[in-house]
Structures are given as C-alpha cells and as structure tokens.
Amino acid sequence: MSVLIAIAGLLGINVPRLIGYAIVAVAVVAGAFTIKFHYINVGRDQVTNEIAAGNRETLSNVNAAKGKIDDCRAAGGQWSTADGMCE
C-alpha cells in the first residue's frame, strides 16, 4: 500500500483525493449491487407466490375430483378413468 502511495506521490497525484474517489466508487458499486439484488429477490418472491397460488388451486381441484370418485364408490359404482364417469 505504501508503495502505491509513493508512486502516486511521484506522479503528482493527490493521494487523499484518490482515496476519496476510491471510497465513492466502492460505495456506488455496492449500492448498485444492493438495488440489483433487491429487485431480483422481489421478482423471485412474486413468482414463488404465483406458483403457490396455482398449487393451492390445483390441490383443491384434485380434492374435488377425489370427492367425486369417493362418492361414486360409496354409491356402489365403479369409476372409469377412461371416461371420467361413474358406472
């Protein structure tokens, strides 16, 4: 580190200003990554919630279909998977 400061001094570069610019650059990059990953997480959560809602709907449809089959069998019938009807 001291070698870089010595080289900067020989080249006439203002070292405190260079350090200040480096800190600002690091802060801007860190802020950009924070914003990027925030929106990635928001998108992921939105898609996850949409999939979960679809899964709940599908599960309710499956339970309704199973209820029809159970009612058919309780009535003494036999469920035809080919026709989807109670025989």
Protein backbone atom coordinates (compact mmCIF):
# COMPACT_ATOMS: atom_id res chain seq x y z
CA MET A 1 0.00 0.00 0.00
CA SER A 2 2.78 2.39 0.88
CA VAL A 3 4.40 1.62 -2.47
CA LEU A 4 1.23 2.74 -4.27
CA ILE A 5 1.11 5.92 -2.21
CA ALA A 6 4.78 6.61 -3.01
CA ILE A 7 4.18 6.05 -6.73
CA ALA A 8 1.09 8.28 -6.64
CA GLY A 9 3.13 10.97 -4.89
CA LEU A 10 5.88 10.75 -7.54
CA LEU A 11 3.31 11.09 -10.31
CA GLY A 12 1.82 14.16 -8.66
CA ILE A 13 -1.48 12.52 -7.79
CA ASN A 14 -3.22 13.90 -4.73
CA VAL A 15 -3.39 10.79 -2.51
CA PRO A 16 -6.25 11.89 -0.20
CA ARG A 17 -8.35 12.81 -3.24
CA LEU A 18 -7.53 9.45 -4.85
CA ILE A 19 -8.61 7.64 -1.67
CA GLY A 20 -11.81 9.70 -1.60
CA TYR A 21 -12.62 8.79 -5.20
CA ALA A 22 -11.95 5.13 -4.43
CA ILE A 23 -14.33 5.23 -1.47
CA VAL A 24 -17.03 6.89 -3.56
CA ALA A 25 -16.55 4.34 -6.35
CA VAL A 26 -16.84 1.43 -3.91
CA ALA A 27 -19.97 2.96 -2.36
CA VAL A 28 -21.61 3.41 -5.79
CA VAL A 29 -20.84 -0.16 -6.84
CA ALA A 30 -22.08 -1.55 -3.51
CA GLY A 31 -25.28 0.49 -3.84
CA ALA A 32 -25.85 -0.74 -7.37
CA PHE A 33 -25.46 -4.37 -6.31
CA THR A 34 -27.79 -3.83 -3.34
CA ILE A 35 -30.50 -2.41 -5.60
CA LYS A 36 -29.98 -5.15 -8.20
CA PHE A 37 -30.29 -7.98 -5.69
CA HIS A 38 -33.28 -6.31 -4.01
CA TYR A 39 -35.23 -6.39 -7.27
CA ILE A 40 -34.08 -9.94 -8.00
CA ASN A 41 -35.47 -11.00 -4.61
CA VAL A 42 -38.73 -9.12 -5.19
CA GLY A 43 -39.18 -10.89 -8.52
CA ARG A 44 -38.35 -14.27 -7.02
CA ASP A 45 -40.87 -13.76 -4.21
CA GLN A 46 -43.56 -12.70 -6.67
CA VAL A 47 -43.06 -15.79 -8.85
CA THR A 48 -42.96 -18.05 -5.79
CA ASN A 49 -46.29 -16.62 -4.58
CA GLU A 50 -47.86 -17.10 -8.02
CA ILE A 51 -46.72 -20.73 -8.11
CA ALA A 52 -48.01 -21.33 -4.58
CA ALA A 53 -51.40 -19.89 -5.51
CA GLY A 54 -51.52 -22.18 -8.55
CA ASN A 55 -50.59 -25.14 -6.40
CA ARG A 56 -53.40 -24.36 -3.92
CA GLU A 57 -55.90 -24.15 -6.78
CA THR A 58 -54.66 -27.40 -8.26
CA LEU A 59 -54.84 -29.13 -4.89
CA SER A 60 -58.44 -28.01 -4.41
CA ASN A 61 -59.31 -29.34 -7.89
CA VAL A 62 -57.68 -32.68 -7.09
CA ASN A 63 -59.57 -32.94 -3.82
CA ALA A 64 -62.84 -32.16 -5.62
CA ALA A 65 -62.12 -34.88 -8.18
CA LYS A 66 -61.23 -37.36 -5.45
CA GLY A 67 -64.53 -36.50 -3.76
CA LYS A 68 -66.43 -37.44 -6.93
CA ILE A 69 -64.62 -40.77 -7.09
CA ASP A 70 -65.28 -41.45 -3.41
CA ASP A 71 -68.97 -40.58 -3.85
CA CYS A 72 -69.16 -42.93 -6.84
CA ARG A 73 -67.63 -45.79 -4.90
CA ALA A 74 -69.80 -45.07 -1.84
CA ALA A 75 -72.87 -45.37 -4.07
CA GLY A 76 -71.67 -48.81 -5.19
CA GLY A 77 -70.43 -47.71 -8.57
CA GLN A 78 -67.09 -48.08 -10.25
CA TRP A 79 -65.13 -45.09 -11.50
CA SER A 80 -63.98 -45.28 -15.12
CA THR A 81 -60.70 -43.46 -15.56
CA ALA A 82 -61.06 -43.67 -19.35
CA ASP A 83 -64.44 -41.90 -19.40
CA GLY A 84 -64.16 -39.95 -16.18
CA MET A 85 -67.62 -41.18 -15.28
CA CYS A 86 -69.20 -43.33 -12.63
CA GLU A 87 -70.51 -46.65 -13.94
